[in-house]
Amino acid sequence: MTKGIVKFFYSNKGYGFITSEDDLDIFIHFTDIIDEENYYKSLSKGDKVEFDIIQEEKGPKAINIRIIERSSVVEYYKETGYSRRSFPTPKKEKLTEVDGKKETSFRSFDF
């Protein structure tokens, strides 16, 4: 079996690529993932995997993919640059007085 690291995997589309130890990009499809622990078969960037390779018309494809080690969520977000400040902050609420009653209005996010 060959070993590699998941380069990327689109879980909503069910495919991605692994970079092998030989530095080759190998296509992966969710139907080739063997994961008895989870019904929903998915991989994350940085997961270490082992697999067999078959040659298809468009290039190499990984089959019998087994997860050796899951990547850390913390490491994933460090690489992607995600932070709590990545999202715009909402504008402050406005206090107004209508007919002697105080009303609060809130403005939505500006994208």
PDB file of N, CA and C in Angstrom:
ATOM      1  N   MET A   1       0.840  -1.193   0.000  1.00  0.00           N
ATOM      2  CA  MET A   1       0.000   0.000   0.000  1.00  0.00           C
ATOM      3  C   MET A   1       0.879   1.249   0.000  1.00  0.00           C
ATOM      4  N   THR A   2       0.395   2.259  -0.673  1.00  0.00           N
ATOM      5  CA  THR A   2       1.081   3.545  -0.757  1.00  0.00           C
ATOM      6  C   THR A   2       0.542   4.465   0.327  1.00  0.00           C
ATOM      7  N   LYS A   3       1.379   5.371   0.817  1.00  0.00           N
ATOM      8  CA  LYS A   3       0.946   6.345   1.823  1.00  0.00           C
ATOM      9  C   LYS A   3       0.961   7.741   1.224  1.00  0.00           C
ATOM     10  N   GLY A   4       0.140   8.607   1.795  1.00  0.00           N
ATOM     11  CA  GLY A   4       0.089   9.983   1.321  1.00  0.00           C
ATOM     12  C   GLY A   4      -0.688  10.870   2.270  1.00  0.00           C
ATOM     13  N   ILE A   5      -0.816  12.130   1.878  1.00  0.00           N
ATOM     14  CA  ILE A   5      -1.525  13.131   2.676  1.00  0.00           C
ATOM     15  C   ILE A   5      -2.591  13.774   1.793  1.00  0.00           C
ATOM     16  N   VAL A   6      -3.777  13.969   2.374  1.00  0.00           N
ATOM     17  CA  VAL A   6      -4.873  14.577   1.622  1.00  0.00           C
ATOM     18  C   VAL A   6      -4.517  16.024   1.297  1.00  0.00           C
ATOM     19  N   LYS A   7      -4.498  16.340   0.016  1.00  0.00           N
ATOM     20  CA  LYS A   7      -4.195  17.693  -0.454  1.00  0.00           C
ATOM     21  C   LYS A   7      -5.434  18.569  -0.288  1.00  0.00           C
ATOM     22  N   PHE A   8      -6.575  18.074  -0.749  1.00  0.00           N
ATOM     23  CA  PHE A   8      -7.872  18.705  -0.504  1.00  0.00           C
ATOM     24  C   PHE A   8      -8.962  17.683  -0.786  1.00  0.00           C
ATOM     25  N   PHE A   9     -10.123  17.911  -0.177  1.00  0.00           N
ATOM     26  CA  PHE A   9     -11.260  17.024  -0.378  1.00  0.00           C
ATOM     27  C   PHE A   9     -12.532  17.836  -0.258  1.00  0.00           C
ATOM     28  N   TYR A  10     -13.325  17.856  -1.333  1.00  0.00           N
ATOM     29  CA  TYR A  10     -14.609  18.560  -1.331  1.00  0.00           C
ATOM     30  C   TYR A  10     -15.677  17.579  -0.863  1.00  0.00           C
ATOM     31  N   SER A  11     -16.040  17.650   0.414  1.00  0.00           N
ATOM     32  CA  SER A  11     -17.002  16.690   0.949  1.00  0.00           C
ATOM     33  C   SER A  11     -18.379  16.854   0.315  1.00  0.00           C
ATOM     34  N   ASN A  12     -18.725  18.071  -0.102  1.00  0.00           N
ATOM     35  CA  ASN A  12     -20.029  18.273  -0.734  1.00  0.00           C
ATOM     36  C   ASN A  12     -20.083  17.684  -2.147  1.00  0.00           C
ATOM     37  N   LYS A  13     -18.934  17.496  -2.766  1.00  0.00           N
ATOM     38  CA  LYS A  13     -18.878  16.915  -4.111  1.00  0.00           C
ATOM     39  C   LYS A  13     -18.373  15.472  -4.087  1.00  0.00           C
ATOM     40  N   GLY A  14     -17.713  15.088  -2.996  1.00  0.00           N
ATOM     41  CA  GLY A  14     -17.284  13.706  -2.835  1.00  0.00           C
ATOM     42  C   GLY A  14     -15.978  13.323  -3.492  1.00  0.00           C
ATOM     43  N   TYR A  15     -15.142  14.303  -3.804  1.00  0.00           N
ATOM     44  CA  TYR A  15     -13.855  13.958  -4.413  1.00  0.00           C
ATOM     45  C   TYR A  15     -12.762  14.925  -3.967  1.00  0.00           C
ATOM     46  N   GLY A  16     -11.528  14.556  -4.263  1.00  0.00           N
ATOM     47  CA  GLY A  16     -10.387  15.397  -3.926  1.00  0.00           C
ATOM     48  C   GLY A  16      -9.108  14.769  -4.452  1.00  0.00           C
ATOM     49  N   PHE A  17      -7.987  15.167  -3.851  1.00  0.00           N
ATOM     50  CA  PHE A  17      -6.691  14.643  -4.275  1.00  0.00           C
ATOM     51  C   PHE A  17      -5.803  14.363  -3.070  1.00  0.00           C
ATOM     52  N   ILE A  18      -4.978  13.346  -3.228  1.00  0.00           N
ATOM     53  CA  ILE A  18      -3.960  12.967  -2.250  1.00  0.00           C
ATOM     54  C   ILE A  18      -2.612  13.252  -2.894  1.00  0.00           C
ATOM     55  N   THR A  19      -1.662  13.739  -2.091  1.00  0.00           N
ATOM     56  CA  THR A  19      -0.279  13.834  -2.553  1.00  0.00           C
ATOM     57  C   THR A  19       0.446  12.619  -1.990  1.00  0.00           C
ATOM     58  N   SER A  20       0.964  11.784  -2.879  1.00  0.00           N
ATOM     59  CA  SER A  20       1.628  10.548  -2.448  1.00  0.00           C
ATOM     60  C   SER A  20       3.041  10.839  -1.954  1.00  0.00           C
ATOM     61  N   GLU A  21       3.665   9.808  -1.383  1.00  0.00           N
ATOM     62  CA  GLU A  21       5.056   9.936  -0.928  1.00  0.00           C
ATOM     63  C   GLU A  21       5.991  10.248  -2.092  1.00  0.00           C
ATOM     64  N   ASP A  22       5.587   9.848  -3.304  1.00  0.00           N
ATOM     65  CA  ASP A  22       6.382  10.121  -4.505  1.00  0.00           C
ATOM     66  C   ASP A  22       6.065  11.487  -5.095  1.00  0.00           C
ATOM     67  N   ASP A  23       5.290  12.290  -4.373  1.00  0.00           N
ATOM     68  CA  ASP A  23       4.903  13.649  -4.774  1.00  0.00           C
ATOM     69  C   ASP A  23       3.994  13.673  -6.009  1.00  0.00           C
ATOM     70  N   LEU A  24       3.174  12.637  -6.161  1.00  0.00           N
ATOM     71  CA  LEU A  24       2.191  12.585  -7.248  1.00  0.00           C
ATOM     72  C   LEU A  24       0.824  12.987  -6.706  1.00  0.00           C
ATOM     73  N   ASP A  25       0.028  13.684  -7.514  1.00  0.00           N
ATOM     74  CA  ASP A  25      -1.346  14.000  -7.148  1.00  0.00           C
ATOM     75  C   ASP A  25      -2.237  12.874  -7.649  1.00  0.00           C
ATOM     76  N   ILE A  26      -2.995  12.288  -6.725  1.00  0.00           N
ATOM     77  CA  ILE A  26      -3.815  11.128  -7.042  1.00  0.00           C
ATOM     78  C   ILE A  26      -5.270  11.428  -6.705  1.00  0.00           C
ATOM     79  N   PHE A  27      -6.149  11.190  -7.660  1.00  0.00           N
ATOM     80  CA  PHE A  27      -7.576  11.440  -7.505  1.00  0.00           C
ATOM     81  C   PHE A  27      -8.183  10.503  -6.466  1.00  0.00           C
ATOM     82  N   ILE A  28      -9.117  11.037  -5.657  1.00  0.00           N
ATOM     83  CA  ILE A  28      -9.847  10.210  -4.692  1.00  0.00           C
ATOM     84  C   ILE A  28     -11.343  10.483  -4.808  1.00  0.00           C
ATOM     85  N   HIS A  29     -12.133   9.434  -4.602  1.00  0.00           N
ATOM     86  CA  HIS A  29     -13.591   9.546  -4.595  1.00  0.00           C
ATOM     87  C   HIS A  29     -14.089   8.932  -3.290  1.00  0.00           C
ATOM     88  N   PHE A  30     -15.156   9.512  -2.739  1.00  0.00           N
ATOM     89  CA  PHE A  30     -15.617   9.078  -1.421  1.00  0.00           C
ATOM     90  C   PHE A  30     -16.015   7.603  -1.387  1.00  0.00           C
ATOM     91  N   THR A  31     -16.414   7.036  -2.505  1.00  0.00           N
ATOM     92  CA  THR A  31     -16.810   5.624  -2.524  1.00  0.00           C
ATOM     93  C   THR A  31     -15.630   4.683  -2.290  1.00  0.00           C
ATOM     94  N   ASP A  32     -14.412   5.189  -2.406  1.00  0.00           N
ATOM     95  CA  ASP A  32     -13.214   4.367  -2.204  1.00  0.00           C
ATOM     96  C   ASP A  32     -12.628   4.498  -0.800  1.00  0.00           C
ATOM     97  N   ILE A  33     -13.293   5.285   0.067  1.00  0.00           N
ATOM     98  CA  ILE A  33     -12.825   5.453   1.447  1.00  0.00           C
ATOM     99  C   ILE A  33     -13.375   4.316   2.296  1.00  0.00           C
ATOM    100  N   ILE A  34     -12.500   3.660   3.032  1.00  0.00           N
ATOM    101  CA  ILE A  34     -12.907   2.599   3.953  1.00  0.00           C
ATOM    102  C   ILE A  34     -12.839   3.181   5.364  1.00  0.00           C
ATOM    103  N   ASP A  35     -14.014   3.395   5.957  1.00  0.00           N
ATOM    104  CA  ASP A  35     -14.085   3.986   7.298  1.00  0.00           C
ATOM    105  C   ASP A  35     -15.260   3.352   8.032  1.00  0.00           C
ATOM    106  N   GLU A  36     -14.992   2.290   8.780  1.00  0.00           N
ATOM    107  CA  GLU A  36     -16.039   1.566   9.492  1.00  0.00           C
ATOM    108  C   GLU A  36     -16.652   2.384  10.623  1.00  0.00           C
ATOM    109  N   GLU A  37     -15.915   3.370  11.126  1.00  0.00           N
ATOM    110  CA  GLU A  37     -16.388   4.158  12.268  1.00  0.00           C
ATOM    111  C   GLU A  37     -17.447   5.182  11.879  1.00  0.00           C
ATOM    112  N   ASN A  38     -17.407   5.676  10.653  1.00  0.00           N
ATOM    113  CA  ASN A  38     -18.310   6.744  10.246  1.00  0.00           C
ATOM    114  C   ASN A  38     -19.111   6.347   9.014  1.00  0.00           C
ATOM    115  N   TYR A  39     -20.414   6.607   9.081  1.00  0.00           N
ATOM    116  CA  TYR A  39     -21.273   6.336   7.927  1.00  0.00           C
ATOM    117  C   TYR A  39     -20.970   7.322   6.807  1.00  0.00           C
ATOM    118  N   TYR A  40     -20.765   8.598   7.187  1.00  0.00           N
ATOM    119  CA  TYR A  40     -20.470   9.648   6.216  1.00  0.00           C
ATOM    120  C   TYR A  40     -18.977   9.622   5.927  1.00  0.00           C
ATOM    121  N   LYS A  41     -18.597   9.177   4.749  1.00  0.00           N
ATOM    122  CA  LYS A  41     -17.187   9.025   4.397  1.00  0.00           C
ATOM    123  C   LYS A  41     -16.635  10.344   3.879  1.00  0.00           C
ATOM    124  N   SER A  42     -15.697  10.901   4.614  1.00  0.00           N
ATOM    125  CA  SER A  42     -15.107  12.180   4.236  1.00  0.00           C
ATOM    126  C   SER A  42     -13.667  12.242   4.718  1.00  0.00           C
ATOM    127  N   LEU A  43     -12.890  13.092   4.079  1.00  0.00           N
ATOM    128  CA  LEU A  43     -11.503  13.322   4.468  1.00  0.00           C
ATOM    129  C   LEU A  43     -11.298  14.808   4.668  1.00  0.00           C
ATOM    130  N   SER A  44     -10.255  15.159   5.381  1.00  0.00           N
ATOM    131  CA  SER A  44      -9.903  16.561   5.592  1.00  0.00           C
ATOM    132  C   SER A  44      -8.482  16.800   5.116  1.00  0.00           C
ATOM    133  N   LYS A  45      -8.219  18.034   4.750  1.00  0.00           N
ATOM    134  CA  LYS A  45      -6.872  18.411   4.328  1.00  0.00           C
ATOM    135  C   LYS A  45      -5.884  18.037   5.429  1.00  0.00           C
ATOM    136  N   GLY A  46      -4.810  17.365   5.043  1.00  0.00           N
ATOM    137  CA  GLY A  46      -3.780  16.993   6.006  1.00  0.00           C
ATOM    138  C   GLY A  46      -3.933  15.603   6.594  1.00  0.00           C
ATOM    139  N   ASP A  47      -5.069  14.922   6.355  1.00  0.00           N
ATOM    140  CA  ASP A  47      -5.227  13.556   6.850  1.00  0.00           C
ATOM    141  C   ASP A  47      -4.162  12.660   6.220  1.00  0.00           C
ATOM    142  N   LYS A  48      -3.571  11.791   7.045  1.00  0.00           N
ATOM    143  CA  LYS A  48      -2.602  10.821   6.534  1.00  0.00           C
ATOM    144  C   LYS A  48      -3.367   9.551   6.184  1.00  0.00           C
ATOM    145  N   VAL A  49      -3.140   9.054   4.973  1.00  0.00           N
ATOM    146  CA  VAL A  49      -3.880   7.894   4.487  1.00  0.00           C
ATOM    147  C   VAL A  49      -2.952   6.883   3.823  1.00  0.00           C
ATOM    148  N   GLU A  50      -3.457   5.652   3.704  1.00  0.00           N
ATOM    149  CA  GLU A  50      -2.779   4.638   2.903  1.00  0.00           C
ATOM    150  C   GLU A  50      -3.797   4.101   1.908  1.00  0.00           C
ATOM    151  N   PHE A  51      -3.321   3.689   0.745  1.00  0.00           N
ATOM    152  CA  PHE A  51      -4.235   3.351  -0.343  1.00  0.00           C
ATOM    153  C   PHE A  51      -3.520   2.546  -1.417  1.00  0.00           C
ATOM    154  N   ASP A  52      -4.319   1.965  -2.294  1.00  0.00           N
ATOM    155  CA  ASP A  52      -3.810   1.314  -3.497  1.00  0.00           C
ATOM    156  C   ASP A  52      -4.061   2.260  -4.662  1.00  0.00           C
ATOM    157  N   ILE A  53      -3.269   2.120  -5.719  1.00  0.00           N
ATOM    158  CA  ILE A  53      -3.412   2.990  -6.887  1.00  0.00           C
ATOM    159  C   ILE A  53      -3.794   2.152  -8.103  1.00  0.00           C
ATOM    160  N   ILE A  54      -4.786   2.657  -8.842  1.00  0.00           N
ATOM    161  CA  ILE A  54      -5.100   2.068 -10.140  1.00  0.00           C
ATOM    162  C   ILE A  54      -4.943   3.166 -11.188  1.00  0.00           C
ATOM    163  N   GLN A  55      -4.638   2.763 -12.386  1.00  0.00           N
ATOM    164  CA  GLN A  55      -4.476   3.734 -13.472  1.00  0.00           C
ATOM    165  C   GLN A  55      -5.778   3.802 -14.247  1.00  0.00           C
ATOM    166  N   GLU A  56      -6.341   4.992 -14.336  1.00  0.00           N
ATOM    167  CA  GLU A  56      -7.564   5.195 -15.103  1.00  0.00           C
ATOM    168  C   GLU A  56      -7.267   6.069 -16.309  1.00  0.00           C
ATOM    169  N   GLU A  57      -8.262   6.259 -17.140  1.00  0.00           N
ATOM    170  CA  GLU A  57      -8.109   7.039 -18.366  1.00  0.00           C
ATOM    171  C   GLU A  57      -7.565   8.440 -18.100  1.00  0.00           C
ATOM    172  N   LYS A  58      -8.079   9.083 -17.044  1.00  0.00           N
ATOM    173  CA  LYS A  58      -7.671  10.464 -16.739  1.00  0.00           C
ATOM    174  C   LYS A  58      -6.427  10.546 -15.860  1.00  0.00           C
ATOM    175  N   GLY A  59      -5.954   9.423 -15.351  1.00  0.00           N
ATOM    176  CA  GLY A  59      -4.773   9.427 -14.503  1.00  0.00           C
ATOM    177  C   GLY A  59      -4.918   8.486 -13.326  1.00  0.00           C
ATOM    178  N   PRO A  60      -3.976   8.553 -12.366  1.00  0.00           N
ATOM    179  CA  PRO A  60      -4.026   7.637 -11.229  1.00  0.00           C
ATOM    180  C   PRO A  60      -5.192   7.933 -10.292  1.00  0.00           C
ATOM    181  N   LYS A  61      -5.756   6.862  -9.728  1.00  0.00           N
ATOM    182  CA  LYS A  61      -6.872   6.974  -8.791  1.00  0.00           C
ATOM    183  C   LYS A  61      -6.574   6.109  -7.577  1.00  0.00           C
ATOM    184  N   ALA A  62      -6.879   6.635  -6.395  1.00  0.00           N
ATOM    185  CA  ALA A  62      -6.684   5.889  -5.155  1.00  0.00           C
ATOM    186  C   ALA A  62      -7.925   5.052  -4.866  1.00  0.00           C
ATOM    187  N   ILE A  63      -7.696   3.809  -4.442  1.00  0.00           N
ATOM    188  CA  ILE A  63      -8.789   2.941  -4.007  1.00  0.00           C
ATOM    189  C   ILE A  63      -8.391   2.331  -2.665  1.00  0.00           C
ATOM    190  N   ASN A  64      -9.348   1.741  -1.975  1.00  0.00           N
ATOM    191  CA  ASN A  64      -9.098   1.125  -0.657  1.00  0.00           C
ATOM    192  C   ASN A  64      -8.407   2.111   0.286  1.00  0.00           C
ATOM    193  N   ILE A  65      -8.926   3.323   0.357  1.00  0.00           N
ATOM    194  CA  ILE A  65      -8.307   4.390   1.155  1.00  0.00           C
ATOM    195  C   ILE A  65      -8.629   4.188   2.632  1.00  0.00           C
ATOM    196  N   ARG A  66      -7.591   4.085   3.440  1.00  0.00           N
ATOM    197  CA  ARG A  66      -7.744   3.948   4.896  1.00  0.00           C
ATOM    198  C   ARG A  66      -7.049   5.122   5.579  1.00  0.00           C
ATOM    199  N   ILE A  67      -7.727   5.664   6.574  1.00  0.00           N
ATOM    200  CA  ILE A  67      -7.178   6.802   7.314  1.00  0.00           C
ATOM    201  C   ILE A  67      -6.208   6.278   8.364  1.00  0.00           C
ATOM    202  N   ILE A  68      -4.976   6.770   8.315  1.00  0.00           N
ATOM    203  CA  ILE A  68      -3.960   6.399   9.299  1.00  0.00           C
ATOM    204  C   ILE A  68      -4.041   7.355  10.484  1.00  0.00           C
ATOM    205  N   GLU A  69      -4.128   8.638  10.165  1.00  0.00           N
ATOM    206  CA  GLU A  69      -4.155   9.666  11.219  1.00  0.00           C
ATOM    207  C   GLU A  69      -4.934  10.878  10.714  1.00  0.00           C
ATOM    208  N   ARG A  70      -5.910  11.290  11.508  1.00  0.00           N
ATOM    209  CA  ARG A  70      -6.691  12.483  11.157  1.00  0.00           C
ATOM    210  C   ARG A  70      -5.868  13.727  11.450  1.00  0.00           C
ATOM    211  N   SER A  71      -6.037  14.753  10.607  1.00  0.00           N
ATOM    212  CA  SER A  71      -5.335  16.015  10.854  1.00  0.00           C
ATOM    213  C   SER A  71      -6.036  16.754  11.984  1.00  0.00           C
ATOM    214  N   SER A  72      -5.310  17.615  12.633  1.00  0.00           N
ATOM    215  CA  SER A  72      -5.844  18.395  13.740  1.00  0.00           C
ATOM    216  C   SER A  72      -6.687  19.541  13.201  1.00  0.00           C
ATOM    217  N   VAL A  73      -7.832  19.779  13.805  1.00  0.00           N
ATOM    218  CA  VAL A  73      -8.688  20.904  13.411  1.00  0.00           C
ATOM    219  C   VAL A  73      -7.941  22.215  13.602  1.00  0.00           C
ATOM    220  N   VAL A  74      -7.179  22.310  14.675  1.00  0.00           N
ATOM    221  CA  VAL A  74      -6.413  23.524  14.954  1.00  0.00           C
ATOM    222  C   VAL A  74      -5.418  23.784  13.833  1.00  0.00           C
ATOM    223  N   GLU A  75      -4.706  22.754  13.408  1.00  0.00           N
ATOM    224  CA  GLU A  75      -3.738  22.907  12.321  1.00  0.00           C
ATOM    225  C   GLU A  75      -4.426  23.323  11.030  1.00  0.00           C
ATOM    226  N   TYR A  76      -5.609  22.750  10.767  1.00  0.00           N
ATOM    227  CA  TYR A  76      -6.344  23.105   9.551  1.00  0.00           C
ATOM    228  C   TYR A  76      -6.659  24.597   9.539  1.00  0.00           C
ATOM    229  N   TYR A  77      -7.166  25.115  10.644  1.00  0.00           N
ATOM    230  CA  TYR A  77      -7.539  26.525  10.671  1.00  0.00           C
ATOM    231  C   TYR A  77      -6.322  27.449  10.683  1.00  0.00           C
ATOM    232  N   LYS A  78      -5.197  26.988  11.202  1.00  0.00           N
ATOM    233  CA  LYS A  78      -3.971  27.787  11.121  1.00  0.00           C
ATOM    234  C   LYS A  78      -3.558  27.957   9.666  1.00  0.00           C
ATOM    235  N   GLU A  79      -3.676  26.883   8.892  1.00  0.00           N
ATOM    236  CA  GLU A  79      -3.294  26.929   7.479  1.00  0.00           C
ATOM    237  C   GLU A  79      -4.250  27.764   6.641  1.00  0.00           C
ATOM    238  N   THR A  80      -5.539  27.720   6.978  1.00  0.00           N
ATOM    239  CA  THR A  80      -6.524  28.445   6.171  1.00  0.00           C
ATOM    240  C   THR A  80      -6.615  29.910   6.552  1.00  0.00           C
ATOM    241  N   GLY A  81      -6.037  30.284   7.686  1.00  0.00           N
ATOM    242  CA  GLY A  81      -6.063  31.685   8.092  1.00  0.00           C
ATOM    243  C   GLY A  81      -7.356  32.092   8.765  1.00  0.00           C
ATOM    244  N   TYR A  82      -8.167  31.126   9.172  1.00  0.00           N
ATOM    245  CA  TYR A  82      -9.421  31.441   9.843  1.00  0.00           C
ATOM    246  C   TYR A  82      -9.134  32.054  11.207  1.00  0.00           C
ATOM    247  N   SER A  83      -9.886  33.056  11.539  1.00  0.00           N
ATOM    248  CA  SER A  83      -9.822  33.610  12.891  1.00  0.00           C
ATOM    249  C   SER A  83     -11.190  34.138  13.248  1.00  0.00           C
ATOM    250  N   ARG A  84     -11.392  34.433  14.493  1.00  0.00           N
ATOM    251  CA  ARG A  84     -12.680  34.968  14.938  1.00  0.00           C
ATOM    252  C   ARG A  84     -12.948  36.318  14.305  1.00  0.00           C
ATOM    253  N   ARG A  85     -11.917  36.995  13.878  1.00  0.00           N
ATOM    254  CA  ARG A  85     -12.076  38.322  13.297  1.00  0.00           C
ATOM    255  C   ARG A  85     -12.239  38.285  11.772  1.00  0.00           C
ATOM    256  N   SER A  86     -12.441  37.112  11.228  1.00  0.00           N
ATOM    257  CA  SER A  86     -12.587  36.981   9.781  1.00  0.00           C
ATOM    258  C   SER A  86     -13.930  37.482   9.261  1.00  0.00           C
ATOM    259  N   PHE A  87     -14.874  37.693  10.152  1.00  0.00           N
ATOM    260  CA  PHE A  87     -16.206  38.076   9.742  1.00  0.00           C
ATOM    261  C   PHE A  87     -16.461  39.539  10.079  1.00  0.00           C
ATOM    262  N   PRO A  88     -17.264  40.224   9.266  1.00  0.00           N
ATOM    263  CA  PRO A  88     -17.546  41.630   9.556  1.00  0.00           C
ATOM    264  C   PRO A  88     -18.354  41.765  10.838  1.00  0.00           C
ATOM    265  N   THR A  89     -18.140  42.850  11.535  1.00  0.00           N
ATOM    266  CA  THR A  89     -18.900  43.088  12.756  1.00  0.00           C
ATOM    267  C   THR A  89     -20.162  43.869  12.414  1.00  0.00           C
ATOM    268  N   PRO A  90     -21.254  43.584  13.109  1.00  0.00           N
ATOM    269  CA  PRO A  90     -22.493  44.297  12.810  1.00  0.00           C
ATOM    270  C   PRO A  90     -22.420  45.738  13.298  1.00  0.00           C
ATOM    271  N   LYS A  91     -23.213  46.575  12.671  1.00  0.00           N
ATOM    272  CA  LYS A  91     -23.275  47.968  13.117  1.00  0.00           C
ATOM    273  C   LYS A  91     -23.997  48.011  14.449  1.00  0.00           C
ATOM    274  N   LYS A  92     -23.712  49.060  15.223  1.00  0.00           N
ATOM    275  CA  LYS A  92     -24.315  49.182  16.546  1.00  0.00           C
ATOM    276  C   LYS A  92     -25.814  49.407  16.435  1.00  0.00           C
ATOM    277  N   GLU A  93     -26.497  48.978  17.474  1.00  0.00           N
ATOM    278  CA  GLU A  93     -27.943  49.165  17.496  1.00  0.00           C
ATOM    279  C   GLU A  93     -28.277  50.629  17.765  1.00  0.00           C
ATOM    280  N   LYS A  94     -29.447  51.033  17.322  1.00  0.00           N
ATOM    281  CA  LYS A  94     -29.887  52.412  17.514  1.00  0.00           C
ATOM    282  C   LYS A  94     -31.059  52.422  18.479  1.00  0.00           C
ATOM    283  N   LEU A  95     -31.006  53.298  19.448  1.00  0.00           N
ATOM    284  CA  LEU A  95     -32.116  53.476  20.372  1.00  0.00           C
ATOM    285  C   LEU A  95     -32.907  54.688  19.913  1.00  0.00           C
ATOM    286  N   THR A  96     -34.192  54.493  19.698  1.00  0.00           N
ATOM    287  CA  THR A  96     -35.044  55.614  19.296  1.00  0.00           C
ATOM    288  C   THR A  96     -36.260  55.659  20.204  1.00  0.00           C
ATOM    289  N   GLU A  97     -36.867  56.806  20.278  1.00  0.00           N
ATOM    290  CA  GLU A  97     -38.052  56.954  21.110  1.00  0.00           C
ATOM    291  C   GLU A  97     -39.222  57.317  20.208  1.00  0.00           C
ATOM    292  N   VAL A  98     -40.245  56.454  20.221  1.00  0.00           N
ATOM    293  CA  VAL A  98     -41.436  56.669  19.408  1.00  0.00           C
ATOM    294  C   VAL A  98     -42.649  56.659  20.328  1.00  0.00           C
ATOM    295  N   ASP A  99     -43.419  57.733  20.288  1.00  0.00           N
ATOM    296  CA  ASP A  99     -44.616  57.865  21.132  1.00  0.00           C
ATOM    297  C   ASP A  99     -44.311  57.584  22.600  1.00  0.00           C
ATOM    298  N   GLY A 100     -43.182  58.056  23.067  1.00  0.00           N
ATOM    299  CA  GLY A 100     -42.822  57.901  24.474  1.00  0.00           C
ATOM    300  C   GLY A 100     -42.272  56.530  24.829  1.00  0.00           C
ATOM    301  N   LYS A 101     -42.175  55.626  23.864  1.00  0.00           N
ATOM    302  CA  LYS A 101     -41.641  54.285  24.127  1.00  0.00           C
ATOM    303  C   LYS A 101     -40.275  54.161  23.470  1.00  0.00           C
ATOM    304  N   LYS A 102     -39.382  53.493  24.160  1.00  0.00           N
ATOM    305  CA  LYS A 102     -38.048  53.275  23.596  1.00  0.00           C
ATOM    306  C   LYS A 102     -38.083  52.046  22.700  1.00  0.00           C
ATOM    307  N   GLU A 103     -37.560  52.197  21.495  1.00  0.00           N
ATOM    308  CA  GLU A 103     -37.479  51.078  20.558  1.00  0.00           C
ATOM    309  C   GLU A 103     -36.023  50.869  20.163  1.00  0.00           C
ATOM    310  N   THR A 104     -35.687  49.646  19.951  1.00  0.00           N
ATOM    311  CA  THR A 104     -34.328  49.306  19.531  1.00  0.00           C
ATOM    312  C   THR A 104     -34.382  48.760  18.114  1.00  0.00           C
ATOM    313  N   SER A 105     -33.529  49.297  17.274  1.00  0.00           N
ATOM    314  CA  SER A 105     -33.415  48.741  15.922  1.00  0.00           C
ATOM    315  C   SER A 105     -31.979  48.274  15.731  1.00  0.00           C
ATOM    316  N   PHE A 106     -31.830  47.289  14.894  1.00  0.00           N
ATOM    317  CA  PHE A 106     -30.515  46.697  14.687  1.00  0.00           C
ATOM    318  C   PHE A 106     -30.266  46.589  13.200  1.00  0.00           C
ATOM    319  N   ARG A 107     -29.137  47.047  12.773  1.00  0.00           N
ATOM    320  CA  ARG A 107     -28.795  47.014  11.355  1.00  0.00           C
ATOM    321  C   ARG A 107     -28.009  45.744  11.056  1.00  0.00           C
ATOM    322  N   SER A 108     -28.271  45.155   9.920  1.00  0.00           N
ATOM    323  CA  SER A 108     -27.627  43.886   9.571  1.00  0.00           C
ATOM    324  C   SER A 108     -26.195  44.097   9.087  1.00  0.00           C
ATOM    325  N   PHE A 109     -25.542  42.988   8.783  1.00  0.00           N
ATOM    326  CA  PHE A 109     -24.166  43.017   8.298  1.00  0.00           C
ATOM    327  C   PHE A 109     -24.094  43.684   6.930  1.00  0.00           C
ATOM    328  N   ASP A 110     -23.010  44.384   6.671  1.00  0.00           N
ATOM    329  CA  ASP A 110     -22.744  44.949   5.353  1.00  0.00           C
ATOM    330  C   ASP A 110     -21.658  44.112   4.694  1.00  0.00           C
ATOM    331  N   PHE A 111     -21.974  43.463   3.597  1.00  0.00           N
ATOM    332  CA  PHE A 111     -20.982  42.636   2.893  1.00  0.00           C
ATOM    333  C   PHE A 111     -20.534  43.312   1.643  1.00  0.00           C
TER     334      PHE A 111
END
